């Protein structure tokens, strides 16, 4: 699989689809895919096929959303 990926990247560079500064690795692509997957951490773990949450710590780079007092108040107040 790695050889096919390297050929794919070489083709993208040759066809000028991407510039050499935009080159990305296969694990970077996987990391971005997991990070961009919508849903909970459990949903992402199921979609990616990871068995442990430790692997999710490596591959999921999304920033957790937390409620602040202001957002919680705004959600509960009637308009």
C-alpha atoms as a PDB file:
ATOM      1  CA  UNK A   1       0.000   0.000   0.000  1.00  0.00           C
ATOM      2  CA  UNK A   2       2.833   2.378   0.773  1.00  0.00           C
ATOM      3  CA  UNK A   3       4.313   1.972  -2.717  1.00  0.00           C
ATOM      4  CA  UNK A   4       0.939   2.738  -4.325  1.00  0.00           C
ATOM      5  CA  UNK A   5       0.636   5.824  -2.147  1.00  0.00           C
ATOM      6  CA  UNK A   6       4.100   7.040  -3.152  1.00  0.00           C
ATOM      7  CA  UNK A   7       3.196   6.561  -6.820  1.00  0.00           C
ATOM      8  CA  UNK A   8      -0.017   8.516  -6.241  1.00  0.00           C
ATOM      9  CA  UNK A   9       1.872  11.444  -4.673  1.00  0.00           C
ATOM     10  CA  UNK A  10       4.457  11.354  -7.492  1.00  0.00           C
ATOM     11  CA  UNK A  11       1.625  11.566 -10.034  1.00  0.00           C
ATOM     12  CA  UNK A  12       0.036  14.518  -8.199  1.00  0.00           C
ATOM     13  CA  UNK A  13       3.360  16.348  -8.268  1.00  0.00           C
ATOM     14  CA  UNK A  14       4.052  15.467 -11.917  1.00  0.00           C
ATOM     15  CA  UNK A  15       0.555  16.576 -13.007  1.00  0.00           C
ATOM     16  CA  UNK A  16       0.982  19.742 -10.896  1.00  0.00           C
ATOM     17  CA  UNK A  17      -2.164  19.012  -8.890  1.00  0.00           C
ATOM     18  CA  UNK A  18      -0.198  19.862  -5.754  1.00  0.00           C
ATOM     19  CA  UNK A  19       3.044  21.739  -5.189  1.00  0.00           C
ATOM     20  CA  UNK A  20       5.931  20.007  -3.435  1.00  0.00           C
ATOM     21  CA  UNK A  21       5.288  22.182  -0.361  1.00  0.00           C
ATOM     22  CA  UNK A  22       1.777  20.671  -0.166  1.00  0.00           C
ATOM     23  CA  UNK A  23       3.020  17.080  -0.067  1.00  0.00           C
ATOM     24  CA  UNK A  24       1.466  15.018   2.718  1.00  0.00           C
ATOM     25  CA  UNK A  25       2.083  11.613   4.226  1.00  0.00           C
ATOM     26  CA  UNK A  26      -0.333   8.723   4.397  1.00  0.00           C
ATOM     27  CA  UNK A  27      -0.632   8.979   8.187  1.00  0.00           C
ATOM     28  CA  UNK A  28      -1.229  12.728   7.925  1.00  0.00           C
ATOM     29  CA  UNK A  29      -4.094  11.956   5.566  1.00  0.00           C
ATOM     30  CA  UNK A  30      -5.483   9.422   8.032  1.00  0.00           C
ATOM     31  CA  UNK A  31      -5.118  11.889  10.908  1.00  0.00           C
ATOM     32  CA  UNK A  32      -6.968  14.587   8.959  1.00  0.00           C
ATOM     33  CA  UNK A  33      -9.726  12.174   8.005  1.00  0.00           C
ATOM     34  CA  UNK A  34     -10.309  11.137  11.612  1.00  0.00           C
ATOM     35  CA  UNK A  35     -10.174  14.724  12.850  1.00  0.00           C
ATOM     36  CA  UNK A  36     -12.695  15.869  10.203  1.00  0.00           C
ATOM     37  CA  UNK A  37     -15.140  13.019  10.838  1.00  0.00           C
ATOM     38  CA  UNK A  38     -18.261  14.427  12.510  1.00  0.00           C
ATOM     39  CA  UNK A  39     -19.564  12.863  15.685  1.00  0.00           C
ATOM     40  CA  UNK A  40     -18.391  11.862  19.099  1.00  0.00           C
ATOM     41  CA  UNK A  41     -15.026  10.403  19.941  1.00  0.00           C
ATOM     42  CA  UNK A  42     -16.668   6.967  20.033  1.00  0.00           C
ATOM     43  CA  UNK A  43     -18.113   7.517  16.534  1.00  0.00           C
ATOM     44  CA  UNK A  44     -14.670   8.471  15.251  1.00  0.00           C
ATOM     45  CA  UNK A  45     -13.080   5.434  16.891  1.00  0.00           C
ATOM     46  CA  UNK A  46     -15.665   3.143  15.299  1.00  0.00           C
ATOM     47  CA  UNK A  47     -15.246   4.766  11.861  1.00  0.00           C
ATOM     48  CA  UNK A  48     -11.453   4.591  11.969  1.00  0.00           C
ATOM     49  CA  UNK A  49     -11.295   1.024  13.215  1.00  0.00           C
ATOM     50  CA  UNK A  50      -9.057   1.819  16.181  1.00  0.00           C
ATOM     51  CA  UNK A  51      -9.432  -0.613  19.062  1.00  0.00           C
ATOM     52  CA  UNK A  52      -8.032   1.614  21.782  1.00  0.00           C
ATOM     53  CA  UNK A  53      -8.642   5.169  22.864  1.00  0.00           C
ATOM     54  CA  UNK A  54      -4.856   5.603  23.070  1.00  0.00           C
ATOM     55  CA  UNK A  55      -4.695   5.514  19.268  1.00  0.00           C
ATOM     56  CA  UNK A  56      -7.427   8.122  19.127  1.00  0.00           C
ATOM     57  CA  UNK A  57      -5.202  10.375  21.238  1.00  0.00           C
ATOM     58  CA  UNK A  58      -2.673  10.209  18.400  1.00  0.00           C
ATOM     59  CA  UNK A  59      -5.004  10.525  15.419  1.00  0.00           C
ATOM     60  CA  UNK A  60      -7.869  12.758  16.587  1.00  0.00           C
ATOM     61  CA  UNK A  61      -6.613  16.341  16.669  1.00  0.00           C
ATOM     62  CA  UNK A  62     -10.017  17.994  16.993  1.00  0.00           C
ATOM     63  CA  UNK A  63     -10.415  20.572  19.714  1.00  0.00           C
ATOM     64  CA  UNK A  64     -12.990  19.595  22.331  1.00  0.00           C
ATOM     65  CA  UNK A  65     -15.923  22.007  22.567  1.00  0.00           C
ATOM     66  CA  UNK A  66     -16.867  23.045  26.070  1.00  0.00           C
ATOM     67  CA  UNK A  67     -19.696  25.194  27.330  1.00  0.00           C
ATOM     68  CA  UNK A  68     -18.879  28.484  28.970  1.00  0.00           C
ATOM     69  CA  UNK A  69     -21.201  30.283  31.373  1.00  0.00           C
ATOM     70  CA  UNK A  70     -22.089  32.710  28.561  1.00  0.00           C
ATOM     71  CA  UNK A  71     -22.991  30.023  26.018  1.00  0.00           C
ATOM     72  CA  UNK A  72     -24.913  27.995  28.587  1.00  0.00           C
ATOM     73  CA  UNK A  73     -26.917  31.075  29.600  1.00  0.00           C
ATOM     74  CA  UNK A  74     -27.624  31.992  25.962  1.00  0.00           C
ATOM     75  CA  UNK A  75     -28.868  28.458  25.248  1.00  0.00           C
ATOM     76  CA  UNK A  76     -31.336  28.488  28.151  1.00  0.00           C
ATOM     77  CA  UNK A  77     -32.738  32.029  27.779  1.00  0.00           C
ATOM     78  CA  UNK A  78     -35.885  32.425  25.655  1.00  0.00           C
ATOM     79  CA  UNK A  79     -35.632  34.732  22.675  1.00  0.00           C
END
